[in-house]
PDB file of N, CA and C in Angstrom:
ATOM      1  N   UNK A   1     -23.590 -11.974  27.796  1.00  0.00           N
ATOM      2  CA  UNK A   1     -22.958 -12.371  28.188  1.00  0.00           C
ATOM      3  C   UNK A   1     -21.806 -12.919  27.292  1.00  0.00           C
ATOM      4  N   UNK A   2     -22.505 -13.645  26.111  1.00  0.00           N
ATOM      5  CA  UNK A   2     -21.590 -14.916  25.547  1.00  0.00           C
ATOM      6  C   UNK A   2     -21.666 -13.758  23.946  1.00  0.00           C
ATOM      7  N   UNK A   3     -22.344 -12.160  24.148  1.00  0.00           N
ATOM      8  CA  UNK A   3     -22.474 -11.586  22.774  1.00  0.00           C
ATOM      9  C   UNK A   3     -20.930 -10.078  23.534  1.00  0.00           C
ATOM     10  N   UNK A   4     -20.841 -10.097  24.703  1.00  0.00           N
ATOM     11  CA  UNK A   4     -19.979  -9.339  25.316  1.00  0.00           C
ATOM     12  C   UNK A   4     -18.291  -9.859  25.088  1.00  0.00           C
ATOM     13  N   UNK A   5     -18.475 -11.525  25.625  1.00  0.00           N
ATOM     14  CA  UNK A   5     -17.125 -12.186  24.754  1.00  0.00           C
ATOM     15  C   UNK A   5     -16.722 -12.028  23.385  1.00  0.00           C
ATOM     16  N   UNK A   6     -17.803 -12.520  22.607  1.00  0.00           N
ATOM     17  CA  UNK A   6     -17.544 -12.322  21.002  1.00  0.00           C
ATOM     18  C   UNK A   6     -17.127 -10.661  20.849  1.00  0.00           C
ATOM     19  N   UNK A   7     -17.640  -9.707  21.284  1.00  0.00           N
ATOM     20  CA  UNK A   7     -17.563  -8.365  21.158  1.00  0.00           C
ATOM     21  C   UNK A   7     -15.467  -8.006  21.566  1.00  0.00           C
ATOM     22  N   UNK A   8     -15.909  -8.389  22.312  1.00  0.00           N
ATOM     23  CA  UNK A   8     -14.244  -8.232  23.009  1.00  0.00           C
ATOM     24  C   UNK A   8     -13.101  -9.569  22.090  1.00  0.00           C
ATOM     25  N   UNK A   9     -13.274 -10.590  21.810  1.00  0.00           N
ATOM     26  CA  UNK A   9     -12.698 -11.065  20.548  1.00  0.00           C
ATOM     27  C   UNK A   9     -12.495 -10.344  19.485  1.00  0.00           C
ATOM     28  N   UNK A  10     -13.806 -10.107  18.605  1.00  0.00           N
ATOM     29  CA  UNK A  10     -13.309  -9.433  17.788  1.00  0.00           C
ATOM     30  C   UNK A  10     -12.647  -7.980  17.705  1.00  0.00           C
ATOM     31  N   UNK A  11     -12.295  -7.297  18.712  1.00  0.00           N
ATOM     32  CA  UNK A  11     -11.531  -6.301  19.019  1.00  0.00           C
ATOM     33  C   UNK A  11     -10.339  -6.923  19.072  1.00  0.00           C
ATOM     34  N   UNK A  12      -9.870  -7.694  20.107  1.00  0.00           N
ATOM     35  CA  UNK A  12      -8.512  -8.507  20.586  1.00  0.00           C
ATOM     36  C   UNK A  12      -8.279  -8.666  18.784  1.00  0.00           C
ATOM     37  N   UNK A  13      -8.995  -9.048  17.916  1.00  0.00           N
ATOM     38  CA  UNK A  13      -8.567  -9.778  16.544  1.00  0.00           C
ATOM     39  C   UNK A  13      -7.896  -8.243  15.535  1.00  0.00           C
ATOM     40  N   UNK A  14      -8.503  -7.226  15.973  1.00  0.00           N
ATOM     41  CA  UNK A  14      -8.202  -6.265  15.123  1.00  0.00           C
ATOM     42  C   UNK A  14      -7.089  -5.583  16.031  1.00  0.00           C
ATOM     43  N   UNK A  15      -6.756  -5.789  16.780  1.00  0.00           N
ATOM     44  CA  UNK A  15      -5.149  -5.358  17.659  1.00  0.00           C
ATOM     45  C   UNK A  15      -4.172  -6.353  17.442  1.00  0.00           C
ATOM     46  N   UNK A  16      -4.188  -6.953  16.849  1.00  0.00           N
ATOM     47  CA  UNK A  16      -3.467  -8.238  16.699  1.00  0.00           C
ATOM     48  C   UNK A  16      -1.408  -7.939  15.958  1.00  0.00           C
ATOM     49  N   UNK A  17      -2.640  -7.521  14.441  1.00  0.00           N
ATOM     50  CA  UNK A  17      -2.163  -7.117  13.487  1.00  0.00           C
ATOM     51  C   UNK A  17      -0.951  -5.814  13.951  1.00  0.00           C
ATOM     52  N   UNK A  18      -1.389  -5.328  14.898  1.00  0.00           N
ATOM     53  CA  UNK A  18      -0.775  -3.823  15.530  1.00  0.00           C
ATOM     54  C   UNK A  18       0.164  -4.682  16.957  1.00  0.00           C
ATOM     55  N   UNK A  19      -0.359  -5.402  17.516  1.00  0.00           N
ATOM     56  CA  UNK A  19       0.662  -6.199  18.649  1.00  0.00           C
ATOM     57  C   UNK A  19       1.969  -6.873  17.452  1.00  0.00           C
ATOM     58  N   UNK A  20       1.631  -6.875  16.429  1.00  0.00           N
ATOM     59  CA  UNK A  20       2.512  -7.918  15.595  1.00  0.00           C
ATOM     60  C   UNK A  20       3.736  -6.620  15.771  1.00  0.00           C
ATOM     61  N   UNK A  21       3.179  -5.530  14.702  1.00  0.00           N
ATOM     62  CA  UNK A  21       3.778  -4.875  14.405  1.00  0.00           C
ATOM     63  C   UNK A  21       4.773  -4.366  15.536  1.00  0.00           C
ATOM     64  N   UNK A  22       4.599  -3.726  16.768  1.00  0.00           N
ATOM     65  CA  UNK A  22       4.619  -3.013  17.954  1.00  0.00           C
ATOM     66  C   UNK A  22       5.667  -4.454  18.391  1.00  0.00           C
ATOM     67  N   UNK A  23       5.883  -5.739  18.459  1.00  0.00           N
ATOM     68  CA  UNK A  23       7.039  -6.672  18.033  1.00  0.00           C
ATOM     69  C   UNK A  23       8.222  -6.453  17.368  1.00  0.00           C
ATOM     70  N   UNK A  24       8.105  -6.076  16.461  1.00  0.00           N
ATOM     71  CA  UNK A  24       9.067  -5.921  15.876  1.00  0.00           C
ATOM     72  C   UNK A  24      10.179  -4.452  15.952  1.00  0.00           C
ATOM     73  N   UNK A  25       9.174  -3.481  16.320  1.00  0.00           N
ATOM     74  CA  UNK A  25       9.844  -2.335  16.898  1.00  0.00           C
ATOM     75  C   UNK A  25      10.508  -2.165  17.701  1.00  0.00           C
ATOM     76  N   UNK A  26      10.137  -3.787  19.122  1.00  0.00           N
ATOM     77  CA  UNK A  26      10.799  -3.483  19.739  1.00  0.00           C
ATOM     78  C   UNK A  26      12.437  -3.979  20.352  1.00  0.00           C
ATOM     79  N   UNK A  27      13.064  -4.245  18.925  1.00  0.00           N
ATOM     80  CA  UNK A  27      14.703  -4.401  19.253  1.00  0.00           C
ATOM     81  C   UNK A  27      14.628  -2.982  19.001  1.00  0.00           C
ATOM     82  N   UNK A  28      14.309  -2.085  18.022  1.00  0.00           N
ATOM     83  CA  UNK A  28      14.613  -1.280  17.415  1.00  0.00           C
ATOM     84  C   UNK A  28      14.813   0.644  18.491  1.00  0.00           C
ATOM     85  N   UNK A  29      13.743   0.185  19.615  1.00  0.00           N
ATOM     86  CA  UNK A  29      13.218   0.501  20.441  1.00  0.00           C
ATOM     87  C   UNK A  29      14.302   0.313  22.157  1.00  0.00           C
ATOM     88  N   UNK A  30      14.715  -0.796  21.954  1.00  0.00           N
ATOM     89  CA  UNK A  30      15.865  -1.036  22.923  1.00  0.00           C
ATOM     90  C   UNK A  30      17.729  -0.421  22.093  1.00  0.00           C
ATOM     91  N   UNK A  31      17.575  -0.441  20.877  1.00  0.00           N
ATOM     92  CA  UNK A  31      18.638   0.415  20.173  1.00  0.00           C
ATOM     93  C   UNK A  31      18.539   1.607  20.382  1.00  0.00           C
ATOM     94  N   UNK A  32      17.676   2.270  20.395  1.00  0.00           N
ATOM     95  CA  UNK A  32      17.247   4.357  20.697  1.00  0.00           C
ATOM     96  C   UNK A  32      17.628   4.237  21.938  1.00  0.00           C
ATOM     97  N   UNK A  33      17.229   3.364  23.060  1.00  0.00           N
ATOM     98  CA  UNK A  33      17.279   3.432  24.550  1.00  0.00           C
ATOM     99  C   UNK A  33      19.002   3.865  24.339  1.00  0.00           C
ATOM    100  N   UNK A  34      19.920   3.323  23.819  1.00  0.00           N
ATOM    101  CA  UNK A  34      20.937   3.151  23.997  1.00  0.00           C
ATOM    102  C   UNK A  34      21.762   4.279  23.672  1.00  0.00           C
ATOM    103  N   UNK A  35      21.352   5.078  22.164  1.00  0.00           N
ATOM    104  CA  UNK A  35      21.581   5.985  21.916  1.00  0.00           C
ATOM    105  C   UNK A  35      21.460   7.119  22.957  1.00  0.00           C
ATOM    106  N   UNK A  36      20.372   7.059  23.513  1.00  0.00           N
ATOM    107  CA  UNK A  36      20.113   8.757  24.630  1.00  0.00           C
ATOM    108  C   UNK A  36      21.386   9.443  25.539  1.00  0.00           C
ATOM    109  N   UNK A  37      21.956   8.556  25.756  1.00  0.00           N
ATOM    110  CA  UNK A  37      23.412   9.157  26.394  1.00  0.00           C
ATOM    111  C   UNK A  37      24.109   9.871  24.980  1.00  0.00           C
ATOM    112  N   UNK A  38      24.062   9.451  24.145  1.00  0.00           N
ATOM    113  CA  UNK A  38      24.654   9.740  22.941  1.00  0.00           C
ATOM    114  C   UNK A  38      23.900  11.182  22.725  1.00  0.00           C
ATOM    115  N   UNK A  39      22.196  10.957  22.597  1.00  0.00           N
ATOM    116  CA  UNK A  39      21.200  12.219  21.759  1.00  0.00           C
ATOM    117  C   UNK A  39      22.102  13.335  23.409  1.00  0.00           C
ATOM    118  N   UNK A  40      22.253  13.255  24.403  1.00  0.00           N
ATOM    119  CA  UNK A  40      22.358  13.615  25.643  1.00  0.00           C
ATOM    120  C   UNK A  40      22.966  14.773  25.315  1.00  0.00           C
ATOM    121  N   UNK A  41      24.363  13.876  25.435  1.00  0.00           N
ATOM    122  CA  UNK A  41      25.494  14.739  25.119  1.00  0.00           C
ATOM    123  C   UNK A  41      25.872  15.518  24.138  1.00  0.00           C
ATOM    124  N   UNK A  42      24.908  15.058  22.473  1.00  0.00           N
ATOM    125  CA  UNK A  42      24.959  15.938  21.542  1.00  0.00           C
ATOM    126  C   UNK A  42      23.900  17.500  21.616  1.00  0.00           C
ATOM    127  N   UNK A  43      22.988  17.246  22.297  1.00  0.00           N
ATOM    128  CA  UNK A  43      22.331  17.815  22.979  1.00  0.00           C
ATOM    129  C   UNK A  43      22.555  19.314  23.896  1.00  0.00           C
ATOM    130  N   UNK A  44      23.991  19.027  24.856  1.00  0.00           N
ATOM    131  CA  UNK A  44      24.630  19.710  25.603  1.00  0.00           C
ATOM    132  C   UNK A  44      25.892  19.852  25.102  1.00  0.00           C
ATOM    133  N   UNK A  45      25.906  19.553  23.863  1.00  0.00           N
ATOM    134  CA  UNK A  45      27.131  20.200  22.637  1.00  0.00           C
ATOM    135  C   UNK A  45      26.508  21.235  22.398  1.00  0.00           C
ATOM    136  N   UNK A  46      25.660  21.065  21.681  1.00  0.00           N
ATOM    137  CA  UNK A  46      24.936  22.253  20.613  1.00  0.00           C
ATOM    138  C   UNK A  46      24.800  23.570  21.594  1.00  0.00           C
ATOM    139  N   UNK A  47      23.829  23.196  23.029  1.00  0.00           N
ATOM    140  CA  UNK A  47      23.812  24.356  24.092  1.00  0.00           C
ATOM    141  C   UNK A  47      24.792  25.047  24.609  1.00  0.00           C
ATOM    142  N   UNK A  48      25.436  24.404  24.566  1.00  0.00           N
ATOM    143  CA  UNK A  48      27.050  24.807  25.184  1.00  0.00           C
ATOM    144  C   UNK A  48      27.633  26.059  23.506  1.00  0.00           C
ATOM    145  N   UNK A  49      27.216  25.448  22.239  1.00  0.00           N
ATOM    146  CA  UNK A  49      28.180  26.323  21.237  1.00  0.00           C
ATOM    147  C   UNK A  49      27.044  27.213  21.394  1.00  0.00           C
ATOM    148  N   UNK A  50      25.949  27.148  21.630  1.00  0.00           N
ATOM    149  CA  UNK A  50      25.127  28.181  21.194  1.00  0.00           C
ATOM    150  C   UNK A  50      25.317  29.563  22.292  1.00  0.00           C
ATOM    151  N   UNK A  51      25.799  28.995  23.717  1.00  0.00           N
ATOM    152  CA  UNK A  51      26.166  29.693  24.988  1.00  0.00           C
ATOM    153  C   UNK A  51      27.315  30.421  24.562  1.00  0.00           C
ATOM    154  N   UNK A  52      28.213  30.065  24.156  1.00  0.00           N
ATOM    155  CA  UNK A  52      29.709  30.582  23.084  1.00  0.00           C
ATOM    156  C   UNK A  52      29.238  31.438  21.648  1.00  0.00           C
ATOM    157  N   UNK A  53      28.244  31.059  20.951  1.00  0.00           N
ATOM    158  CA  UNK A  53      28.210  32.197  19.828  1.00  0.00           C
ATOM    159  C   UNK A  53      27.265  33.172  20.698  1.00  0.00           C
ATOM    160  N   UNK A  54      26.587  33.160  21.322  1.00  0.00           N
ATOM    161  CA  UNK A  54      25.570  34.516  22.400  1.00  0.00           C
ATOM    162  C   UNK A  54      26.363  35.408  22.945  1.00  0.00           C
ATOM    163  N   UNK A  55      27.562  34.306  24.324  1.00  0.00           N
ATOM    164  CA  UNK A  55      28.587  35.459  24.397  1.00  0.00           C
ATOM    165  C   UNK A  55      29.831  35.589  23.349  1.00  0.00           C
ATOM    166  N   UNK A  56      30.035  35.479  22.161  1.00  0.00           N
ATOM    167  CA  UNK A  56      30.961  35.899  21.240  1.00  0.00           C
ATOM    168  C   UNK A  56      30.049  36.944  20.336  1.00  0.00           C
ATOM    169  N   UNK A  57      29.060  37.161  20.320  1.00  0.00           N
ATOM    170  CA  UNK A  57      27.842  38.326  19.998  1.00  0.00           C
ATOM    171  C   UNK A  57      28.162  39.682  20.902  1.00  0.00           C
ATOM    172  N   UNK A  58      27.782  39.333  22.310  1.00  0.00           N
ATOM    173  CA  UNK A  58      27.719  40.390  23.154  1.00  0.00           C
ATOM    174  C   UNK A  58      29.147  40.983  23.467  1.00  0.00           C
ATOM    175  N   UNK A  59      30.020  40.399  23.133  1.00  0.00           N
ATOM    176  CA  UNK A  59      30.999  40.852  23.029  1.00  0.00           C
ATOM    177  C   UNK A  59      30.918  41.101  21.940  1.00  0.00           C
ATOM    178  N   UNK A  60      30.883  41.165  20.715  1.00  0.00           N
ATOM    179  CA  UNK A  60      31.432  42.100  19.445  1.00  0.00           C
ATOM    180  C   UNK A  60      30.739  43.285  19.737  1.00  0.00           C
ATOM    181  N   UNK A  61      29.498  43.040  20.212  1.00  0.00           N
ATOM    182  CA  UNK A  61      28.506  44.282  20.515  1.00  0.00           C
ATOM    183  C   UNK A  61      29.132  45.529  21.596  1.00  0.00           C
ATOM    184  N   UNK A  62      29.882  44.665  22.580  1.00  0.00           N
ATOM    185  CA  UNK A  62      30.702  45.416  23.257  1.00  0.00           C
ATOM    186  C   UNK A  62      31.801  46.123  22.734  1.00  0.00           C
ATOM    187  N   UNK A  63      32.329  46.066  21.664  1.00  0.00           N
ATOM    188  CA  UNK A  63      33.333  45.938  20.846  1.00  0.00           C
ATOM    189  C   UNK A  63      32.645  47.233  20.338  1.00  0.00           C
ATOM    190  N   UNK A  64      32.317  47.022  19.388  1.00  0.00           N
ATOM    191  CA  UNK A  64      31.542  48.779  18.927  1.00  0.00           C
ATOM    192  C   UNK A  64      31.156  49.187  19.392  1.00  0.00           C
ATOM    193  N   UNK A  65      30.699  49.478  20.825  1.00  0.00           N
ATOM    194  CA  UNK A  65      30.236  50.615  21.586  1.00  0.00           C
ATOM    195  C   UNK A  65      31.223  51.391  22.134  1.00  0.00           C
TER     196      UNK A  65
END
């Protein structure tokens, strides 16, 4: 039982630097979640632009026929 506890502590000590790094990244993740609505708006605008380009290409092809 003691050996299992020591192995768990050794594994936890290996994970501590990664946990510290993750806590450094948390403010940036919170900032990224604030940017999500803007990213959604940007993707919507890109889809609208692609749809407009597709419509223009269809209209251009129809005028050539």
